[in-house]
Protein backbone atom coordinates (compact mmCIF):
# COMPACT_ATOMS: atom_id res chain seq x y z
CA MET A 1 101.62 145.20 134.65
CA THR A 2 102.81 143.87 138.06
CA SER A 3 106.04 141.90 138.70
CA THR A 4 103.42 139.07 139.42
CA ASP A 5 102.17 139.35 135.85
CA ILE A 6 105.77 139.47 134.44
CA ARG A 7 106.69 136.09 136.28
CA LEU A 8 103.21 134.52 135.34
CA LEU A 9 104.03 135.27 131.88
CA SER A 10 107.57 134.01 132.11
CA THR A 11 106.73 130.88 133.39
CA ALA A 12 103.96 129.98 130.87
CA PHE A 13 106.50 130.91 127.68
CA VAL A 14 109.49 128.78 129.42
CA SER A 15 107.10 126.06 130.23
CA VAL A 16 106.15 125.59 126.34
CA VAL A 17 109.96 125.89 125.46
CA ALA A 18 110.76 123.14 128.17
CA LEU A 19 107.83 121.09 126.38
CA VAL A 20 108.83 121.21 123.03
CA VAL A 21 112.60 120.75 124.13
CA LEU A 22 111.92 117.31 126.12
CA ILE A 23 109.75 116.02 123.50
CA VAL A 24 112.14 117.11 120.16
CA THR A 25 115.46 116.61 121.56
CA LYS A 26 117.99 114.45 122.81
CA PRO A 27 115.64 113.33 125.95
CA ARG A 28 112.55 112.59 123.62
CA LEU A 29 110.51 111.68 126.27
CA HIS A 30 106.96 110.50 125.47
CA PRO A 31 104.29 113.52 124.91
CA LEU A 32 102.70 112.39 128.17
CA LEU A 33 105.41 112.13 130.47
CA ALA A 34 106.69 115.72 129.31
CA LEU A 35 103.38 117.21 129.78
CA LEU A 36 103.22 115.75 133.18
CA ILE A 37 106.71 116.95 134.07
CA VAL A 38 106.04 120.17 132.66
CA SER A 39 102.96 120.73 134.44
CA LEU A 40 104.54 120.16 138.10
CA GLY A 41 107.25 122.42 137.02
CA ALA A 42 104.81 125.15 136.00
CA GLY A 43 102.55 124.87 139.16
CA LEU A 44 105.85 125.11 141.54
CA ALA A 45 107.15 127.85 139.42
CA THR A 46 103.98 129.85 140.30
CA GLY A 47 103.91 129.11 143.72
CA MET A 48 100.76 126.78 143.66
CA PRO A 49 100.16 124.96 146.72
CA LEU A 50 101.28 121.10 146.49
CA ASP A 51 97.75 120.00 146.96
CA LYS A 52 96.04 122.54 144.49
CA LEU A 53 98.81 121.62 142.08
CA MET A 54 97.78 117.87 142.01
CA GLN A 55 94.10 118.67 141.98
CA SER A 56 94.82 120.78 138.94
CA ILE A 57 96.86 117.88 137.07
CA VAL A 58 94.35 115.38 138.00
CA GLY A 59 91.07 117.54 137.81
CA GLY A 60 92.58 118.76 134.39
CA ALA A 61 93.28 115.29 132.80
CA GLY A 62 90.10 113.95 134.06
CA LYS A 63 87.61 116.76 132.71
CA THR A 64 89.58 116.80 129.20
CA LEU A 65 89.06 112.76 129.38
CA GLY A 66 85.32 113.45 130.07
CA ALA A 67 84.77 115.76 127.56
CA VAL A 68 86.92 114.33 124.75
CA GLY A 69 88.40 110.80 125.53
CA LEU A 70 84.56 109.05 125.49
CA VAL A 71 83.99 111.22 122.44
CA VAL A 72 87.20 109.97 120.87
CA ALA A 73 86.68 106.30 121.99
CA LEU A 74 83.12 105.60 120.56
CA GLY A 75 84.17 107.29 117.52
CA ALA A 76 87.09 104.82 116.85
CA MET A 77 84.33 102.07 117.46
CA LEU A 78 82.20 103.60 114.96
CA GLY A 79 84.98 104.07 112.58
CA LYS A 80 85.50 100.30 112.64
CA LEU A 81 82.10 99.27 112.12
CA LEU A 82 81.77 101.93 109.11
CA ALA A 83 85.38 100.45 107.98
CA ASP A 84 84.43 96.60 108.32
CA ALA A 85 81.06 97.16 106.63
CA GLY A 86 82.35 98.79 103.71
CA VAL A 87 80.79 102.14 104.32
CA THR A 88 84.40 104.11 104.48
CA GLU A 89 85.56 102.49 101.31
CA THR A 90 82.17 103.17 99.38
CA LEU A 91 82.33 107.04 100.34
CA ALA A 92 85.87 107.38 99.37
CA ASN A 93 85.18 105.42 95.85
CA ALA A 94 81.99 108.08 95.91
CA ILE A 95 84.26 111.15 96.22
CA LEU A 96 86.92 109.84 94.17
CA ASP A 97 84.54 108.86 91.11
CA ARG A 98 83.05 112.47 91.36
CA ALA A 99 86.18 114.76 92.03
CA SER A 100 89.29 114.97 90.36
CA ARG A 101 92.56 115.19 92.43
CA ARG A 102 92.63 118.85 92.53
CA MET A 103 89.07 119.29 93.53
CA LEU A 104 89.31 116.89 96.46
CA PRO A 105 90.70 119.14 98.98
CA TRP A 106 87.42 121.13 98.08
CA ALA A 107 85.23 118.43 98.04
CA MET A 108 86.68 117.24 101.63
CA ALA A 109 86.53 120.89 102.86
CA GLY A 110 82.90 120.94 101.69
CA VAL A 111 81.82 118.08 103.75
CA ALA A 112 83.87 119.30 107.06
CA PHE A 113 81.86 122.56 106.66
CA VAL A 114 78.60 120.84 107.18
CA ILE A 115 79.64 118.27 109.57
CA GLY A 116 81.24 121.12 111.55
CA ILE A 117 78.29 123.23 112.09
CA PRO A 118 76.90 121.39 115.33
CA MET A 119 80.28 119.66 116.21
CA PHE A 120 83.36 120.25 118.36
CA PHE A 121 86.53 120.53 116.54
CA GLU A 122 87.88 117.30 118.06
CA VAL A 123 84.41 115.35 117.62
CA GLY A 124 84.24 116.12 114.26
CA LEU A 125 87.83 115.09 113.07
CA VAL A 126 87.46 111.83 115.23
CA VAL A 127 83.90 111.35 112.77
CA LEU A 128 85.58 112.10 109.70
CA LEU A 129 89.29 110.30 110.08
CA PRO A 130 87.63 107.12 108.23
CA LEU A 131 87.09 109.56 105.45
CA ILE A 132 90.06 111.02 105.47
CA PHE A 133 92.06 108.03 105.70
CA GLY A 134 90.00 105.88 103.14
CA VAL A 135 90.34 108.76 100.60
CA ALA A 136 94.19 109.41 101.34
CA ARG A 137 94.80 105.58 100.83
CA LYS A 138 93.03 105.36 97.70
CA LEU A 139 95.09 108.39 96.19
CA GLU A 140 98.32 106.65 97.58
CA ALA A 141 97.48 103.48 95.54
CA GLN A 142 96.95 105.72 92.27
CA ARG A 143 100.23 107.41 92.84
CA GLU A 144 99.08 110.52 91.77
CA GLY A 145 101.13 113.88 93.07
CA SER A 146 104.02 113.69 95.59
CA GLY A 147 104.30 114.48 99.33
CA SER A 148 101.43 113.26 101.55
CA ALA A 149 98.27 112.46 100.77
CA TYR A 150 96.75 112.56 104.32
CA VAL A 151 98.06 116.25 104.67
CA TYR A 152 96.42 116.73 101.12
CA VAL A 153 93.26 115.49 102.23
CA GLY A 154 93.52 116.35 106.05
CA VAL A 155 94.40 119.67 106.07
CA PRO A 156 91.00 121.01 104.36
CA VAL A 157 89.24 119.27 107.12
CA ILE A 158 91.42 120.61 109.90
CA ALA A 159 90.53 124.28 108.80
CA ALA A 160 86.83 123.72 107.89
CA LEU A 161 86.42 122.12 111.38
CA ALA A 162 88.28 125.16 113.05
CA ALA A 163 86.86 127.76 111.57
CA MET A 164 83.26 126.49 112.36
CA HIS A 165 84.14 125.74 115.85
CA GLY A 166 85.56 129.43 116.49
CA MET A 167 83.10 131.45 114.20
CA VAL A 168 79.51 130.16 114.04
CA PRO A 169 77.46 129.44 116.79
CA PRO A 170 75.94 127.16 118.33
CA HIS A 171 79.27 126.19 119.43
CA PRO A 172 79.94 126.93 123.06
CA GLY A 173 82.74 129.73 122.55
CA PRO A 174 80.53 131.97 120.16
CA LEU A 175 77.24 131.40 122.16
CA THR A 176 79.27 132.26 125.24
CA ALA A 177 80.19 135.65 123.75
CA ILE A 178 76.96 136.40 122.54
CA ALA A 179 75.51 135.69 126.00
CA THR A 180 78.27 137.72 127.73
CA LEU A 181 78.23 140.83 125.24
CA LYS A 182 74.24 140.54 125.22
CA THR A 183 74.01 140.42 121.33
CA SER A 184 72.09 138.74 118.66
CA VAL A 185 72.54 134.99 117.84
CA GLY A 186 71.32 135.17 114.47
CA ALA A 187 73.50 137.98 113.17
CA THR A 188 76.77 136.73 114.89
CA MET A 189 76.00 133.46 112.65
CA ILE A 190 75.45 134.96 109.24
CA TYR A 191 78.73 137.20 110.21
CA GLY A 192 80.30 133.90 111.08
CA PHE A 193 79.32 132.29 107.72
CA ILE A 194 80.59 135.15 105.83
CA ALA A 195 84.01 135.01 107.57
CA ALA A 196 84.37 131.57 107.70
CA LEU A 197 84.27 130.87 103.74
CA PRO A 198 87.64 132.46 102.83
CA ALA A 199 89.37 131.47 105.82
CA ILE A 200 88.19 127.85 105.14
CA VAL A 201 89.73 128.40 101.22
CA LEU A 202 92.74 130.27 102.13
CA ALA A 203 93.90 127.63 105.27
CA GLY A 204 92.27 124.60 103.67
CA PRO A 205 92.59 123.44 99.88
CA VAL A 206 94.92 126.52 99.15
CA TYR A 207 97.61 126.05 102.22
CA GLY A 208 97.04 122.47 101.74
CA ALA A 209 98.09 122.02 98.08
CA PHE A 210 101.24 124.18 99.22
CA ILE A 211 102.15 121.98 102.25
CA ALA A 212 101.28 118.60 101.20
CA PRO A 213 104.25 118.15 98.57
CA ARG A 214 106.67 119.26 101.02
CA MET A 215 105.71 116.49 103.71
CA THR A 216 105.37 112.99 104.01
CA VAL A 217 103.41 112.25 107.00
CA ARG A 218 101.78 108.91 107.16
CA PRO A 219 99.68 107.96 110.04
CA ASP A 220 100.44 104.67 112.01
CA GLU A 221 99.25 101.37 109.71
CA ALA A 222 97.46 99.85 112.87
CA LEU A 223 94.91 103.09 112.73
CA VAL A 224 95.00 103.49 108.75
CA ALA A 225 94.03 99.80 108.63
CA GLN A 226 91.24 99.83 111.40
CA TYR A 227 89.57 102.88 109.13
CA ALA A 228 90.68 102.31 105.78
CA PRO A 229 91.33 98.31 105.44
CA ALA A 230 93.28 97.32 102.32
CA ALA A 231 92.04 94.20 100.43
CA ASP A 232 93.04 92.00 97.72
CA ALA A 233 90.84 91.43 94.79
CA ALA A 234 88.80 88.72 96.11
CA GLN A 235 88.45 90.09 99.63
CA ASP A 236 87.16 93.04 97.98
CA ALA A 237 84.82 91.55 95.83
CA ALA A 238 83.28 89.67 98.60
CA ARG A 239 82.91 92.76 100.68
CA ARG A 240 81.23 94.62 97.66
CA ARG A 241 78.18 91.86 97.52
CA ARG A 242 77.39 92.70 101.13
CA LEU A 243 77.63 96.15 101.02
CA PRO A 244 74.86 98.44 102.59
CA SER A 245 73.66 100.83 100.16
CA LEU A 246 74.98 104.33 99.86
CA GLY A 247 72.30 106.19 101.44
CA LEU A 248 72.40 103.65 104.72
CA GLY A 249 75.98 104.06 104.74
CA VAL A 250 75.73 107.97 104.58
CA LEU A 251 72.88 107.98 107.00
CA THR A 252 74.92 105.93 109.60
CA ALA A 253 77.88 107.48 109.41
CA LEU A 254 76.18 111.40 109.74
CA ALA A 255 73.68 110.16 112.44
CA PRO A 256 75.94 111.84 115.15
CA ALA A 257 76.30 115.08 113.21
CA LEU A 258 72.37 114.89 112.11
CA LEU A 259 71.75 114.52 116.42
CA MET A 260 73.70 117.53 117.12
CA LEU A 261 72.58 119.58 114.27
CA GLY A 262 68.84 118.96 115.54
CA HIS A 263 70.15 120.29 118.95
CA ALA A 264 71.78 123.22 117.29
CA ALA A 265 68.91 123.98 115.57
CA GLY A 266 66.84 123.52 118.64
CA GLU A 267 68.77 125.90 120.38
CA VAL A 268 68.04 128.79 117.89
CA LEU A 269 64.45 128.17 117.24
CA LEU A 270 62.78 126.91 120.38
CA PRO A 271 62.26 128.77 123.78
CA LYS A 272 64.86 127.78 126.38
CA GLY A 273 62.28 126.18 128.72
CA SER A 274 61.10 123.99 126.24
CA SER A 275 60.65 120.06 126.58
CA LEU A 276 61.56 119.62 123.01
CA LEU A 277 64.59 121.46 123.29
CA HIS A 278 65.46 119.33 126.59
CA ALA A 279 65.17 116.23 124.29
CA LEU A 280 67.32 117.48 121.74
CA ALA A 281 69.72 118.86 124.04
CA PHE A 282 69.80 115.33 125.42
CA LEU A 283 69.97 113.58 122.05
CA GLY A 284 72.59 115.89 120.51
CA HIS A 285 75.12 115.72 123.67
CA PRO A 286 78.45 114.37 121.92
CA VAL A 287 78.44 111.39 124.04
CA THR A 288 74.70 110.50 123.22
CA ALA A 289 74.94 111.22 119.72
CA MET A 290 78.19 108.97 119.11
CA LEU A 291 76.62 106.33 121.35
CA LEU A 292 73.35 106.05 119.40
CA GLY A 293 75.57 106.40 115.86
CA VAL A 294 77.48 103.00 117.04
CA VAL A 295 74.37 101.17 118.26
CA LEU A 296 72.68 102.23 114.73
CA ALA A 297 75.80 101.08 112.84
CA MET A 298 75.68 97.75 114.70
CA VAL A 299 72.02 97.17 113.96
CA ALA A 300 71.77 98.77 110.33
CA LEU A 301 74.85 97.41 108.86
CA ARG A 302 75.65 94.08 110.60
CA PRO A 303 79.29 93.97 109.73
CA GLY A 304 79.53 90.63 111.37
CA SER A 305 78.59 88.36 113.80
CA PRO A 306 77.85 89.83 117.22
CA GLU A 307 81.24 88.18 118.77
CA ALA A 308 82.99 89.58 115.93
CA MET A 309 81.60 92.90 116.24
CA ARG A 310 82.76 92.65 120.07
CA THR A 311 85.90 91.54 119.05
CA ALA A 312 86.30 94.59 116.35
CA LEU A 313 84.94 96.94 118.74
CA GLY A 314 87.43 95.94 121.56
CA SER A 315 90.53 95.84 119.06
CA SER A 316 89.48 99.50 117.68
CA LEU A 317 90.21 100.89 121.33
CA LYS A 318 94.13 99.97 121.50
CA PRO A 319 95.17 102.23 118.67
CA ILE A 320 93.80 105.11 120.20
CA ALA A 321 94.93 104.40 123.75
CA SER A 322 98.30 106.61 123.33
CA VAL A 323 96.24 109.44 121.90
CA LEU A 324 93.91 109.63 124.89
CA LEU A 325 96.43 109.59 127.70
CA ILE A 326 98.54 112.17 125.68
CA ILE A 327 95.16 114.44 125.59
CA ALA A 328 94.84 113.96 129.05
CA GLY A 329 98.21 115.23 129.84
CA GLY A 330 97.35 118.13 127.59
CA GLY A 331 94.09 118.55 129.60
CA ALA A 332 96.42 118.52 133.16
CA PHE A 333 98.76 121.31 131.48
CA GLN A 334 95.76 123.49 130.14
CA GLN A 335 94.40 123.19 134.01
CA VAL A 336 97.61 124.00 135.82
CA LEU A 337 98.09 127.30 133.87
CA THR A 338 94.39 128.16 134.29
CA ASP A 339 94.71 127.76 137.74
CA ALA A 340 97.78 129.90 138.34
CA HIS A 341 96.00 132.66 136.68
CA VAL A 342 97.99 133.00 133.83
CA GLY A 343 95.07 134.14 131.85
CA ASP A 344 94.62 137.23 134.63
CA ALA A 345 98.40 138.47 133.67
CA ILE A 346 97.40 138.37 130.17
CA VAL A 347 94.63 140.65 130.53
CA HIS A 348 96.46 142.92 132.46
CA MET A 349 98.83 143.25 129.70
CA SER A 350 96.00 143.54 127.26
CA ARG A 351 94.46 146.50 129.08
CA GLN A 352 97.75 148.80 128.60
CA LEU A 353 97.57 148.30 124.62
CA SER A 354 95.31 151.31 123.03
CA LEU A 355 93.64 149.40 120.20
CA SER A 356 90.10 149.28 118.24
CA PRO A 357 87.44 146.71 120.30
CA LEU A 358 87.70 144.51 117.64
CA VAL A 359 91.34 144.00 117.20
CA LEU A 360 91.47 144.31 121.23
CA GLY A 361 89.17 141.55 121.64
CA TRP A 362 90.72 139.65 119.16
CA LEU A 363 94.03 139.99 120.65
CA ILE A 364 92.78 139.14 124.43
CA SER A 365 91.44 136.16 123.30
CA MET A 366 94.27 135.04 121.11
CA LEU A 367 96.51 135.58 124.01
CA LEU A 368 94.55 133.71 126.50
CA SER A 369 93.80 130.58 124.29
CA VAL A 370 97.56 130.71 123.73
CA SER A 371 98.63 131.02 126.88
CA THR A 372 96.06 128.50 128.76
CA GLY A 373 95.71 126.10 125.78
CA SER A 374 91.68 126.85 126.18
CA ALA A 375 89.79 128.28 123.25
CA THR A 376 86.87 128.94 125.61
CA VAL A 377 89.01 130.56 128.35
CA GLY A 378 90.30 133.06 125.60
CA ILE A 379 86.51 133.80 124.54
CA VAL A 380 85.26 133.77 128.24
CA GLY A 381 87.75 136.31 129.46
CA ALA A 382 87.89 138.60 126.36
CA ALA A 383 84.23 139.04 126.22
CA GLY A 384 84.01 139.38 130.08
CA LEU A 385 86.55 142.12 130.04
CA LEU A 386 85.08 143.92 126.78
CA ALA A 387 81.23 143.57 127.58
CA PRO A 388 81.18 146.82 129.95
CA LEU A 389 82.80 148.85 126.74
CA GLY A 390 79.99 147.26 124.49
CA ALA A 391 77.29 148.22 126.69
CA ALA A 392 78.72 151.88 126.99
CA ASP A 393 79.17 152.24 123.46
CA PRO A 394 76.14 152.21 121.06
CA SER A 395 78.44 152.53 118.04
CA LEU A 396 79.94 149.43 118.63
CA ASN A 397 78.80 146.26 116.32
CA LEU A 398 78.43 143.32 118.94
CA PRO A 399 77.99 140.53 116.75
CA LEU A 400 81.39 141.46 115.01
CA LEU A 401 82.90 141.82 118.53
CA ALA A 402 81.91 138.55 119.17
CA LEU A 403 83.04 137.07 116.03
CA ALA A 404 86.58 138.59 116.58
CA ILE A 405 86.58 137.36 119.94
CA GLY A 406 85.89 133.97 118.61
CA CYS A 407 88.45 134.15 115.76
CA GLY A 408 91.27 135.22 118.49
CA SER A 409 90.64 132.09 120.14
CA LEU A 410 91.89 129.90 116.98
CA PHE A 411 95.15 131.52 116.56
CA PHE A 412 98.29 128.78 116.90
CA ASN A 413 96.71 125.78 118.40
CA TYR A 414 99.73 124.54 119.88
CA ALA A 415 100.73 121.89 122.75
CA ASN A 416 98.83 122.79 125.21
CA HIS A 417 95.75 122.23 123.34
CA ALA A 418 94.00 118.70 123.17
CA GLY A 419 93.35 119.37 119.65
CA PHE A 420 96.95 119.59 118.59
CA TRP A 421 97.56 116.10 120.02
CA LEU A 422 94.72 114.65 118.86
CA VAL A 423 95.85 115.56 115.29
CA LYS A 424 99.66 114.73 115.97
CA GLU A 425 98.85 111.51 117.17
CA SER A 426 96.30 110.86 114.72
CA PHE A 427 98.24 111.33 111.53
CA GLY A 428 101.85 110.00 113.08
CA MET A 429 102.91 113.50 112.96
CA SER A 430 106.24 115.08 114.83
CA MET A 431 105.98 118.13 116.52
CA GLY A 432 107.20 120.13 113.74
CA GLU A 433 104.81 118.58 111.26
CA ALA A 434 101.90 119.16 113.36
CA THR A 435 103.09 122.77 114.00
CA ARG A 436 102.96 123.40 110.05
CA THR A 437 99.73 121.74 109.44
CA ILE A 438 96.92 122.23 112.59
CA SER A 439 99.09 125.26 114.12
CA VAL A 440 99.64 127.09 110.93
CA VAL A 441 96.31 126.49 109.56
CA GLN A 442 94.29 127.68 112.49
CA SER A 443 96.50 130.84 112.65
CA ILE A 444 95.56 131.43 109.24
CA VAL A 445 91.80 130.90 109.69
CA ALA A 446 92.30 133.38 112.82
CA VAL A 447 94.01 136.03 110.73
CA VAL A 448 91.68 135.80 107.70
CA GLY A 449 88.84 135.92 110.20
CA LEU A 450 90.06 139.26 111.90
CA VAL A 451 90.52 140.84 108.35
CA MET A 452 86.97 139.88 107.49
CA VAL A 453 85.60 141.34 110.81
CA LEU A 454 87.24 144.61 109.75
CA LEU A 455 86.07 144.59 106.33
CA LEU A 456 82.49 143.74 107.36
CA ASN A 457 83.03 146.54 110.34
CA LEU A 458 82.79 149.00 107.29
CA LEU A 459 79.30 147.81 105.92
CA PRO A 460 76.07 148.83 107.84
CA PRO A 461 75.45 146.41 110.53
CA LEU A 462 72.55 143.61 110.09
CA GLY A 463 69.38 144.58 111.44
């Protein structure tokens, strides 16, 4: 490694430490301010031109809001409509009636496993927040168990969504690795499902049952009330008289997921130039799918008069305003690290290590993802670096290499990842609590995924 590489790696490390210090120690700055201050400091320390630095901060914030912000806002609107119509409560009651408290995490992981097939991590979490909050609130009312009901119910969902996002096509990360390595979508998908199952079990229901009694996390009351409103007996009876059928409620809640799943199926089954695939891609885009879901909920559920719905949709955005700005700050920090070429320094360091290609792919992807705050950067960098090796070594199982790279990108999702802030702010967690949940959960998923890759590599390759 060169002295420049060492300086970039040191800057990235100091930046993350400074971010944590500014938020959790005596300054106790708002995360948005801390993220912007650290972004400026990191850019200056790496010698970025001032105009380029500001472009990175503004561009990173805008790009992240464009990719995540609209979906989060539409998800909040959909959640409000579902809650006002009683759908969230109906689904929560159905799960509670059919599953014991001990089986609830497994049921929630199963739901998230299906939802996570076509959805980004952030999108799936936004879609499932009303269900998480509804089930957790019911558990609190029953006074069963100790600790945080929200962690007990939420951790399995986080684990399942993370595993699907990093391991299974048609998510953009795995698809990028597949395209770069010129390998099979089908084989990678099969390996991904096999590896995801034990990872979800250990990081979700098992770890959730361990950590929940040790935490007292409870989201902001305004957000809980929006997604899972409490009601006295009279209000509850009145709402039940106008509840939609369970089937209609489920269809409305899953409409965005079904549209995205249609796009996912089309990418696997249809030729690239197909007009039908283009239509499915438009309908299955997260923004389009969420927008159509909101419109469907307004038409099919009719949770109030047009004026009441307009007021409700406006009020649904207030609790997430801070979340959106913090996510934007995380995007700015991520972009500064990326434009400062911290990723190149990680790659140079990794080249000096003598490891199995599967382990090396996981390690490079992990280091890039942790340092830049982008799983996609980790996957693209690792796949690009190892593509020549894959082409030159016919004995290398390329679908497993793609899977190893995807697993590595999930490791230790922390303060420079937008998903970290989405979980932290949605559940009302401190930095330490968020680290013990999403950061540890995704690390378990990443490590179990690597173990499964190495075990699957002992078997004859698929096809």
